[in-house]
Amino acid sequence: MALVERIPALLRERTFRRYWTGQTISLVGDQISLIAIPLAAVLILGADAAEMGWLKTAELLPALLLNLPLGAWADRQARRRRVMIAADLGRAALMLTLPVAYALDALTLGQLYAVAFGVGALTVLFEVCNTTLFVALVPTERYVQANSLVNGSRSMSWLAGPGIGGVLVQVLTAPLALVADALTYVVSAGYLARIKPVEPPPAPVAKGHFTEGLRWVVHDRSMRALFSASGTVQFFNYMFHTLFVLYVTADLGIDAGLLGLMLGAGAVGGLVGAVCGGAVVRRIGIGASLVTGFLGFTLPLLLIPLAGGPLPLVVAVLFAAEFLSCAGVMIVDIAAGSFQMAAIPDAIRARVMGAFRTLNHGFRPLGALAGGLLGTAIGLRPTLWIATGGAVLAVLWLLPSPLARMRELPTSEEEPAPVGAA
């Protein structure tokens, strides 16, 4: 009995448990594909740096181009769960084309590009529907707990997924490892098929339907502040990540094995942040948690350009930076996800999230480009100082907004109000 009481209340509910289990398995599969597809390009097809850049572009482009139109389309659908099932099965089918082509000695880079783009497009479709399904499954007072569980699964996938993917690639070769990824999508679809939540009604088609989500993001003060802070972090973080691997290996002398362990430390930090994030939000409130999380995410990264001296000290500093930063980002994700779920009206939910993601994803290639140009012009370490320092300043968007002073989750029918408002 005591053991049952320690299980989070939501996981004792069959419908949410099935939803969460499918999400967890699918997230692990995503991590497998993140390793297996690039390795298939390099090891099987001998892709060079330019071709790897095109592959990454094909992967990222759907999020930039399709979030807004697919969000508008999803809000007009009555059965979004069925759309998610179709997206899962579509991703599985696309993934399976790669091992089939490899077995027939017909695998090409063009096919990898097409599959990366197709899977990315179906992932966008899945995610814009997922936000609406989430609120149909979870009562408002449990948004924080539910987001903690989902983000805990994401952290576990960061921790376990690359290792599983690496073993599968080693044993089966990269293309055949993608069979496992395809199966995770099938399992996710199976769990979604076993739940039947009451979904919000579809939004009527009216003038301005396509841009309504974008207008809501821009005009809502709290959402605008969150978008501005998130966009700033996205820009500077992608500037940072463009140069991170090159910097720690070329300038700091960290080998691939140690780098992998550092990333593992980040995954552990993310898991700790996911476990503790719900308690942090309950204790200090949504707004203070967002401010704390943004600072916890960005401030530790200043340690990376600061690192120097004997190798053991450098390694210890980098481990601490990865661990603390990933713990901070989980607190951001839990608090921000809960706020968005509560604040956005059901009728425009997919459009708002589509607009929010479109705007945020737009900063990623800009940050990567700026990082490459600055790194070439002024050097790696100075560019990393700019990237990490700029990311810390993102919190300045939050501080003057109502969001920073918010303690409880708002309702989706009204403008989010600060603490103490009538």
Protein backbone atom coordinates (compact mmCIF):
# COMPACT_ATOMS: atom_id res chain seq x y z
CA MET A 1 0.00 0.00 0.00
CA ALA A 2 2.83 2.41 0.91
CA LEU A 3 4.48 1.75 -2.46
CA VAL A 4 1.26 2.55 -4.32
CA GLU A 5 0.92 5.84 -2.41
CA ARG A 6 4.41 6.88 -3.59
CA ILE A 7 3.35 6.57 -7.24
CA PRO A 8 2.26 10.01 -8.55
CA ALA A 9 -1.52 10.31 -8.54
CA LEU A 10 -1.69 10.83 -12.29
CA LEU A 11 0.13 7.56 -12.97
CA ARG A 12 -2.51 5.74 -10.96
CA GLU A 13 -5.08 6.89 -13.53
CA ARG A 14 -5.20 4.46 -16.43
CA THR A 15 -5.87 6.99 -19.20
CA PHE A 16 -3.01 9.34 -18.32
CA ARG A 17 -0.70 6.38 -17.63
CA ARG A 18 -1.27 5.05 -21.13
CA TYR A 19 -0.68 8.50 -22.63
CA TRP A 20 2.52 9.01 -20.60
CA THR A 21 3.85 5.52 -21.36
CA GLY A 22 3.43 6.04 -25.10
CA GLN A 23 5.13 9.43 -24.89
CA THR A 24 8.04 7.98 -22.90
CA ILE A 25 8.71 5.16 -25.36
CA SER A 26 8.46 7.53 -28.32
CA LEU A 27 10.95 9.97 -26.75
CA VAL A 28 13.51 7.18 -26.38
CA GLY A 29 12.97 6.33 -30.03
CA ASP A 30 13.61 9.96 -31.00
CA GLN A 31 17.01 9.78 -29.32
CA ILE A 32 17.84 6.59 -31.22
CA SER A 33 17.11 8.29 -34.54
CA LEU A 34 19.19 11.33 -33.57
CA ILE A 35 22.21 9.02 -33.51
CA ALA A 36 21.30 6.46 -36.14
CA ILE A 37 20.34 8.76 -39.05
CA PRO A 38 23.54 10.89 -38.95
CA LEU A 39 25.64 7.75 -38.49
CA ALA A 40 23.95 6.16 -41.48
CA ALA A 41 24.88 9.25 -43.50
CA VAL A 42 28.51 9.19 -42.35
CA LEU A 43 29.31 5.49 -42.04
CA ILE A 44 27.20 4.04 -44.85
CA LEU A 45 27.09 6.87 -47.40
CA GLY A 46 30.29 8.76 -46.55
CA ALA A 47 28.58 12.15 -46.15
CA ASP A 48 30.86 15.18 -45.89
CA ALA A 49 30.36 18.32 -43.76
CA ALA A 50 28.20 20.08 -46.35
CA GLU A 51 25.95 17.05 -46.78
CA MET A 52 25.59 16.72 -43.00
CA GLY A 53 24.56 20.38 -42.94
CA TRP A 54 21.84 19.68 -45.51
CA LEU A 55 20.67 16.72 -43.44
CA LYS A 56 20.38 18.89 -40.32
CA THR A 57 18.56 21.55 -42.34
CA ALA A 58 16.06 18.98 -43.62
CA GLU A 59 15.43 17.94 -40.02
CA LEU A 60 14.91 21.50 -38.69
CA LEU A 61 13.04 23.07 -41.63
CA PRO A 62 9.57 21.58 -40.93
CA ALA A 63 9.47 23.14 -37.47
CA LEU A 64 10.15 26.55 -38.98
CA LEU A 65 7.81 26.25 -41.97
CA LEU A 66 4.91 24.10 -40.78
CA ASN A 67 4.10 24.91 -37.15
CA LEU A 68 1.88 27.85 -38.07
CA PRO A 69 -0.19 26.26 -40.89
CA LEU A 70 -0.50 22.88 -39.17
CA GLY A 71 -1.50 24.57 -35.92
CA ALA A 72 -4.28 26.41 -37.77
CA TRP A 73 -5.38 23.15 -39.40
CA ALA A 74 -5.31 21.19 -36.13
CA ASP A 75 -7.61 23.66 -34.36
CA ARG A 76 -10.29 22.86 -36.95
CA GLN A 77 -10.15 19.11 -36.29
CA ALA A 78 -12.59 17.30 -34.01
CA ARG A 79 -10.46 14.18 -33.48
CA ARG A 80 -6.89 15.29 -32.88
CA ARG A 81 -6.01 12.02 -31.15
CA ARG A 82 -6.62 10.17 -34.43
CA VAL A 83 -4.37 12.66 -36.22
CA MET A 84 -1.62 11.90 -33.68
CA ILE A 85 -2.04 8.16 -34.25
CA ALA A 86 -1.76 8.70 -38.01
CA ALA A 87 1.36 10.85 -37.46
CA ASP A 88 2.95 8.11 -35.34
CA LEU A 89 2.23 5.43 -37.93
CA GLY A 90 3.47 7.72 -40.71
CA ARG A 91 6.76 8.29 -38.87
CA ALA A 92 7.14 4.56 -38.36
CA ALA A 93 6.57 3.90 -42.06
CA LEU A 94 9.10 6.55 -43.10
CA MET A 95 11.72 5.19 -40.73
CA LEU A 96 11.22 1.65 -42.02
CA THR A 97 12.00 2.75 -45.58
CA LEU A 98 15.63 3.31 -44.57
CA PRO A 99 16.52 -0.23 -43.41
CA VAL A 100 14.54 -1.63 -46.37
CA ALA A 101 16.53 0.52 -48.82
CA TYR A 102 19.76 -0.42 -47.06
CA ALA A 103 18.94 -4.13 -47.32
CA LEU A 104 18.29 -3.66 -51.04
CA ASP A 105 21.55 -1.68 -51.43
CA ALA A 106 19.50 1.33 -52.58
CA LEU A 107 19.97 3.77 -49.69
CA THR A 108 20.85 7.33 -50.80
CA LEU A 109 21.45 10.70 -49.17
CA GLY A 110 18.40 12.01 -51.01
CA GLN A 111 16.26 9.44 -49.21
CA LEU A 112 17.80 10.41 -45.86
CA TYR A 113 16.97 14.07 -46.55
CA ALA A 114 13.39 13.19 -47.52
CA VAL A 115 12.86 10.97 -44.47
CA ALA A 116 14.34 13.58 -42.12
CA PHE A 117 12.00 16.24 -43.55
CA GLY A 118 8.98 13.92 -43.56
CA VAL A 119 9.51 12.75 -39.98
CA GLY A 120 10.04 16.38 -38.93
CA ALA A 121 6.77 17.41 -40.59
CA LEU A 122 4.80 14.61 -38.92
CA THR A 123 6.43 15.46 -35.59
CA VAL A 124 5.18 19.05 -35.93
CA LEU A 125 1.68 17.72 -36.66
CA PHE A 126 1.85 15.39 -33.65
CA GLU A 127 3.01 18.14 -31.29
CA VAL A 128 0.45 20.80 -32.27
CA CYS A 129 -2.31 18.25 -31.61
CA ASN A 130 -0.62 16.97 -28.45
CA THR A 131 -1.10 20.23 -26.53
CA THR A 132 -4.88 19.97 -26.95
CA LEU A 133 -4.93 16.29 -26.01
CA PHE A 134 -2.89 17.06 -22.90
CA VAL A 135 -5.44 19.53 -21.52
CA ALA A 136 -8.25 17.08 -22.32
CA LEU A 137 -6.51 14.48 -20.14
CA VAL A 138 -5.21 16.58 -17.24
CA PRO A 139 -7.17 18.89 -14.90
CA THR A 140 -5.69 22.37 -14.43
CA GLU A 141 -4.57 21.75 -10.86
CA ARG A 142 -2.39 18.86 -12.06
CA TYR A 143 -0.65 20.58 -14.98
CA VAL A 144 2.57 21.02 -13.01
CA GLN A 145 2.66 17.35 -11.95
CA ALA A 146 1.86 16.18 -15.48
CA ASN A 147 4.54 18.40 -17.01
CA SER A 148 7.02 17.13 -14.42
CA LEU A 149 6.28 13.54 -15.46
CA VAL A 150 6.55 14.28 -19.20
CA ASN A 151 9.78 16.24 -18.74
CA GLY A 152 11.12 13.47 -16.52
CA SER A 153 10.54 11.10 -19.41
CA ARG A 154 12.38 13.50 -21.71
CA SER A 155 15.36 13.56 -19.35
CA MET A 156 15.35 9.79 -19.10
CA SER A 157 15.35 9.59 -22.89
CA TRP A 158 18.40 11.89 -22.99
CA LEU A 159 20.09 9.58 -20.51
CA ALA A 160 19.13 6.19 -21.95
CA GLY A 161 18.38 6.90 -25.61
CA PRO A 162 21.90 7.67 -26.89
CA GLY A 163 23.32 4.61 -25.12
CA ILE A 164 20.61 2.35 -26.52
CA GLY A 165 21.07 3.89 -29.95
CA GLY A 166 24.83 3.45 -29.81
CA VAL A 167 24.53 -0.23 -28.88
CA LEU A 168 21.95 -0.86 -31.60
CA VAL A 169 24.13 0.85 -34.21
CA GLN A 170 27.11 -1.18 -33.06
CA VAL A 171 25.21 -4.48 -33.20
CA LEU A 172 22.82 -3.94 -36.12
CA THR A 173 24.41 -1.09 -38.19
CA ALA A 174 22.86 2.38 -38.28
CA PRO A 175 20.01 1.80 -40.77
CA LEU A 176 18.82 -1.40 -39.09
CA ALA A 177 18.84 0.36 -35.70
CA LEU A 178 16.04 2.54 -37.06
CA VAL A 179 13.72 -0.49 -36.95
CA ALA A 180 13.70 0.00 -33.17
CA ASP A 181 12.80 3.66 -33.61
CA ALA A 182 9.94 2.73 -35.95
CA LEU A 183 8.63 0.29 -33.35
CA THR A 184 8.54 3.02 -30.69
CA TYR A 185 6.20 5.04 -32.90
CA VAL A 186 3.97 1.99 -33.38
CA VAL A 187 3.87 1.47 -29.61
CA SER A 188 3.02 5.15 -29.06
CA ALA A 189 0.17 4.86 -31.58
CA GLY A 190 -1.06 1.74 -29.79
CA TYR A 191 -1.24 3.51 -26.44
CA LEU A 192 -3.01 6.52 -27.98
CA ALA A 193 -5.55 4.15 -29.55
CA ARG A 194 -6.42 2.84 -26.07
CA ILE A 195 -7.50 6.19 -24.63
CA LYS A 196 -10.68 8.11 -25.45
CA PRO A 197 -10.60 11.58 -23.85
CA VAL A 198 -13.31 14.15 -24.50
CA GLU A 199 -11.55 16.60 -26.82
CA PRO A 200 -12.45 20.30 -27.11
CA PRO A 201 -14.72 21.09 -30.08
CA PRO A 202 -13.05 22.28 -33.29
CA ALA A 203 -12.68 26.02 -33.84
CA PRO A 204 -15.01 27.52 -36.46
CA VAL A 205 -13.36 28.86 -39.58
CA ALA A 206 -13.52 32.65 -39.51
CA LYS A 207 -11.67 35.61 -40.93
CA GLY A 208 -8.17 35.80 -39.48
CA HIS A 209 -8.21 32.12 -38.42
CA PHE A 210 -4.70 31.47 -39.76
CA THR A 211 -3.04 34.39 -37.94
CA GLU A 212 -5.12 34.43 -34.74
CA GLY A 213 -2.59 32.36 -32.78
CA LEU A 214 0.25 34.67 -33.82
CA ARG A 215 -1.78 37.74 -32.85
CA TRP A 216 -2.59 36.21 -29.45
CA VAL A 217 1.10 35.58 -28.72
CA VAL A 218 1.98 39.16 -29.65
CA HIS A 219 -0.85 40.86 -27.74
CA ASP A 220 -0.91 38.80 -24.52
CA ARG A 221 1.61 40.47 -22.19
CA SER A 222 2.68 37.34 -20.34
CA MET A 223 2.96 35.16 -23.43
CA ARG A 224 4.85 37.92 -25.23
CA ALA A 225 7.35 38.11 -22.38
CA LEU A 226 7.78 34.33 -22.36
CA PHE A 227 8.26 34.26 -26.12
CA SER A 228 10.82 37.08 -26.00
CA ALA A 229 12.80 35.36 -23.25
CA SER A 230 12.61 31.97 -24.99
CA GLY A 231 13.56 33.44 -28.37
CA THR A 232 16.58 35.22 -26.86
CA VAL A 233 17.75 32.00 -25.23
CA GLN A 234 17.19 30.05 -28.46
CA PHE A 235 19.33 32.52 -30.44
CA PHE A 236 22.25 32.62 -28.02
CA ASN A 237 22.02 28.93 -27.10
CA TYR A 238 22.31 27.87 -30.74
CA MET A 239 25.23 30.27 -31.13
CA PHE A 240 26.77 28.45 -28.15
CA HIS A 241 26.01 24.90 -29.33
CA THR A 242 27.34 25.57 -32.82
CA LEU A 243 30.81 26.03 -31.31
CA PHE A 244 30.64 23.98 -28.10
CA VAL A 245 31.96 20.64 -29.40
CA LEU A 246 34.72 22.31 -31.41
CA TYR A 247 35.75 24.44 -28.43
CA VAL A 248 35.91 21.69 -25.81
CA THR A 249 37.73 19.27 -28.10
CA ALA A 250 40.10 21.62 -29.95
CA ASP A 251 40.77 24.31 -27.33
CA LEU A 252 40.29 22.42 -24.05
CA GLY A 253 41.60 19.02 -25.21
CA ILE A 254 38.55 16.99 -24.15
CA ASP A 255 38.31 13.65 -25.96
CA ALA A 256 35.12 12.08 -27.30
CA GLY A 257 34.71 9.74 -24.33
CA LEU A 258 34.83 12.55 -21.78
CA LEU A 259 32.52 14.64 -23.91
CA GLY A 260 29.98 11.83 -23.88
CA LEU A 261 30.21 11.60 -20.09
CA MET A 262 29.64 15.35 -19.81
CA LEU A 263 26.51 15.12 -21.90
CA GLY A 264 25.43 12.23 -19.67
CA ALA A 265 25.94 14.50 -16.65
CA GLY A 266 23.62 16.97 -18.33
CA ALA A 267 20.99 14.27 -18.76
CA VAL A 268 21.26 13.40 -15.05
CA GLY A 269 20.89 17.08 -14.20
CA GLY A 270 17.82 17.23 -16.38
CA LEU A 271 16.34 14.24 -14.56
CA VAL A 272 17.00 15.91 -11.18
CA GLY A 273 15.39 19.12 -12.46
CA ALA A 274 12.35 17.20 -13.67
CA VAL A 275 11.96 15.42 -10.33
CA CYS A 276 12.35 18.62 -8.30
CA GLY A 277 10.69 21.05 -10.71
CA GLY A 278 7.15 20.41 -9.54
CA ALA A 279 8.10 21.04 -5.91
CA VAL A 280 9.90 24.26 -6.90
CA VAL A 281 6.81 25.56 -8.73
CA ARG A 282 4.51 24.68 -5.84
CA ARG A 283 6.80 26.36 -3.30
CA ILE A 284 7.68 29.65 -5.06
CA GLY A 285 5.02 29.93 -7.78
CA ILE A 286 4.98 29.93 -11.59
CA GLY A 287 6.61 33.32 -12.17
CA ALA A 288 9.45 32.94 -9.69
CA SER A 289 10.08 29.42 -11.00
CA LEU A 290 10.44 30.74 -14.54
CA VAL A 291 12.91 33.42 -13.44
CA THR A 292 14.82 30.86 -11.35
CA GLY A 293 14.80 28.33 -14.15
CA PHE A 294 16.01 30.79 -16.81
CA LEU A 295 18.89 31.85 -14.54
CA GLY A 296 19.59 28.24 -13.54
CA PHE A 297 19.72 27.28 -17.23
CA THR A 298 21.94 30.11 -18.46
CA LEU A 299 24.25 31.17 -15.62
CA PRO A 300 26.10 27.81 -15.33
CA LEU A 301 27.04 27.99 -19.02
CA LEU A 302 29.29 30.98 -18.20
CA LEU A 303 31.59 28.39 -16.61
CA ILE A 304 32.41 26.92 -20.03
CA PRO A 305 34.32 29.88 -21.54
CA LEU A 306 35.69 30.50 -18.04
CA ALA A 307 37.15 26.98 -17.78
CA GLY A 308 40.92 26.73 -17.81
CA GLY A 309 43.91 25.29 -15.98
CA PRO A 310 44.70 21.63 -15.30
CA LEU A 311 42.60 19.09 -17.19
CA PRO A 312 40.91 17.63 -14.06
CA LEU A 313 39.74 21.12 -13.05
CA VAL A 314 38.47 21.82 -16.57
CA VAL A 315 36.56 18.54 -16.61
CA ALA A 316 35.02 19.22 -13.18
CA VAL A 317 33.91 22.70 -14.26
CA LEU A 318 32.35 21.41 -17.48
CA PHE A 319 30.54 18.61 -15.64
CA ALA A 320 29.10 21.15 -13.18
CA ALA A 321 28.02 23.47 -16.00
CA GLU A 322 26.21 20.71 -17.91
CA PHE A 323 24.54 19.28 -14.80
CA LEU A 324 23.29 22.60 -13.42
CA SER A 325 22.22 24.00 -16.79
CA CYS A 326 20.13 20.95 -17.68
CA ALA A 327 18.51 20.99 -14.24
CA GLY A 328 17.58 24.63 -14.81
CA VAL A 329 16.08 24.04 -18.25
CA MET A 330 13.78 21.37 -16.83
CA ILE A 331 12.38 23.87 -14.31
CA VAL A 332 11.79 26.29 -17.21
CA ASP A 333 10.04 23.61 -19.26
CA ILE A 334 7.78 22.52 -16.40
CA ALA A 335 6.77 26.06 -15.39
CA ALA A 336 6.46 27.39 -18.96
CA GLY A 337 4.57 24.32 -20.18
CA SER A 338 2.12 24.51 -17.29
CA PHE A 339 1.56 28.24 -17.83
CA GLN A 340 0.94 27.76 -21.56
CA MET A 341 -1.49 24.90 -20.98
CA ALA A 342 -3.47 26.96 -18.48
CA ALA A 343 -3.39 30.36 -20.20
CA ILE A 344 -4.19 29.53 -23.82
CA PRO A 345 -7.90 29.21 -24.72
CA ASP A 346 -8.83 25.79 -26.13
CA ALA A 347 -10.27 27.26 -29.32
CA ILE A 348 -6.90 28.65 -30.44
CA ARG A 349 -4.52 26.33 -28.57
CA ALA A 350 -2.89 24.60 -31.55
CA ARG A 351 -2.58 27.89 -33.45
CA VAL A 352 -0.94 29.66 -30.50
CA MET A 353 1.53 26.83 -29.91
CA GLY A 354 2.21 26.64 -33.65
CA ALA A 355 2.92 30.39 -33.75
CA PHE A 356 5.04 30.24 -30.59
CA ARG A 357 7.15 27.39 -31.97
CA THR A 358 7.48 29.01 -35.40
CA LEU A 359 8.81 32.21 -33.86
CA ASN A 360 11.14 30.34 -31.52
CA HIS A 361 12.48 28.00 -34.18
CA GLY A 362 13.20 30.99 -36.38
CA PHE A 363 15.92 32.08 -33.96
CA ARG A 364 17.79 28.78 -34.12
CA PRO A 365 19.37 29.00 -37.59
CA LEU A 366 20.08 32.70 -36.99
CA GLY A 367 21.95 31.86 -33.80
CA ALA A 368 23.87 29.05 -35.47
CA LEU A 369 24.85 31.34 -38.35
CA ALA A 370 25.92 34.13 -35.99
CA GLY A 371 27.97 31.66 -33.94
CA GLY A 372 29.82 30.41 -37.00
CA LEU A 373 30.53 33.90 -38.32
CA LEU A 374 31.64 35.32 -34.97
CA GLY A 375 33.69 32.24 -34.12
CA THR A 376 35.60 32.70 -37.37
CA ALA A 377 36.01 36.46 -36.93
CA ILE A 378 36.93 36.83 -33.25
CA GLY A 379 37.65 33.28 -32.05
CA LEU A 380 35.83 30.55 -30.15
CA ARG A 381 36.20 31.69 -26.55
CA PRO A 382 35.16 35.34 -27.12
CA THR A 383 32.13 34.14 -29.10
CA LEU A 384 31.17 31.76 -26.29
CA TRP A 385 31.36 34.65 -23.81
CA ILE A 386 28.93 36.61 -26.00
CA ALA A 387 26.65 33.59 -26.40
CA THR A 388 26.49 32.67 -22.71
CA GLY A 389 26.28 36.27 -21.50
CA GLY A 390 23.53 37.06 -23.99
CA ALA A 391 21.53 34.04 -22.87
CA VAL A 392 21.63 35.21 -19.24
CA LEU A 393 20.10 38.55 -20.29
CA ALA A 394 16.99 36.74 -21.56
CA VAL A 395 15.52 36.91 -18.05
CA LEU A 396 15.21 40.71 -18.44
CA TRP A 397 12.18 40.15 -20.69
CA LEU A 398 10.37 38.41 -17.81
CA LEU A 399 11.11 40.74 -14.91
CA PRO A 400 8.80 43.67 -15.84
CA SER A 401 5.96 41.40 -17.02
CA PRO A 402 2.91 40.14 -15.07
CA LEU A 403 4.29 36.65 -15.56
CA ALA A 404 7.22 37.23 -13.20
CA ARG A 405 4.81 38.08 -10.37
CA MET A 406 2.35 35.26 -11.03
CA ARG A 407 2.03 32.61 -8.35
CA GLU A 408 -0.93 30.47 -9.40
CA LEU A 409 -1.80 29.23 -12.88
CA PRO A 410 -4.23 31.51 -14.75
CA THR A 411 -7.41 30.37 -16.44
CA SER A 412 -7.52 30.23 -20.23
CA GLU A 413 -10.56 32.48 -20.36
CA GLU A 414 -8.82 35.60 -19.03
CA GLU A 415 -5.62 37.58 -19.27
CA PRO A 416 -3.10 36.07 -16.81
CA ALA A 417 -3.09 38.22 -13.72
CA PRO A 418 -0.23 38.96 -11.31
CA VAL A 419 -0.34 38.04 -7.63
CA GLY A 420 -2.53 40.37 -5.68
CA ALA A 421 -4.70 41.38 -8.64
CA ALA A 422 -8.43 41.43 -8.08
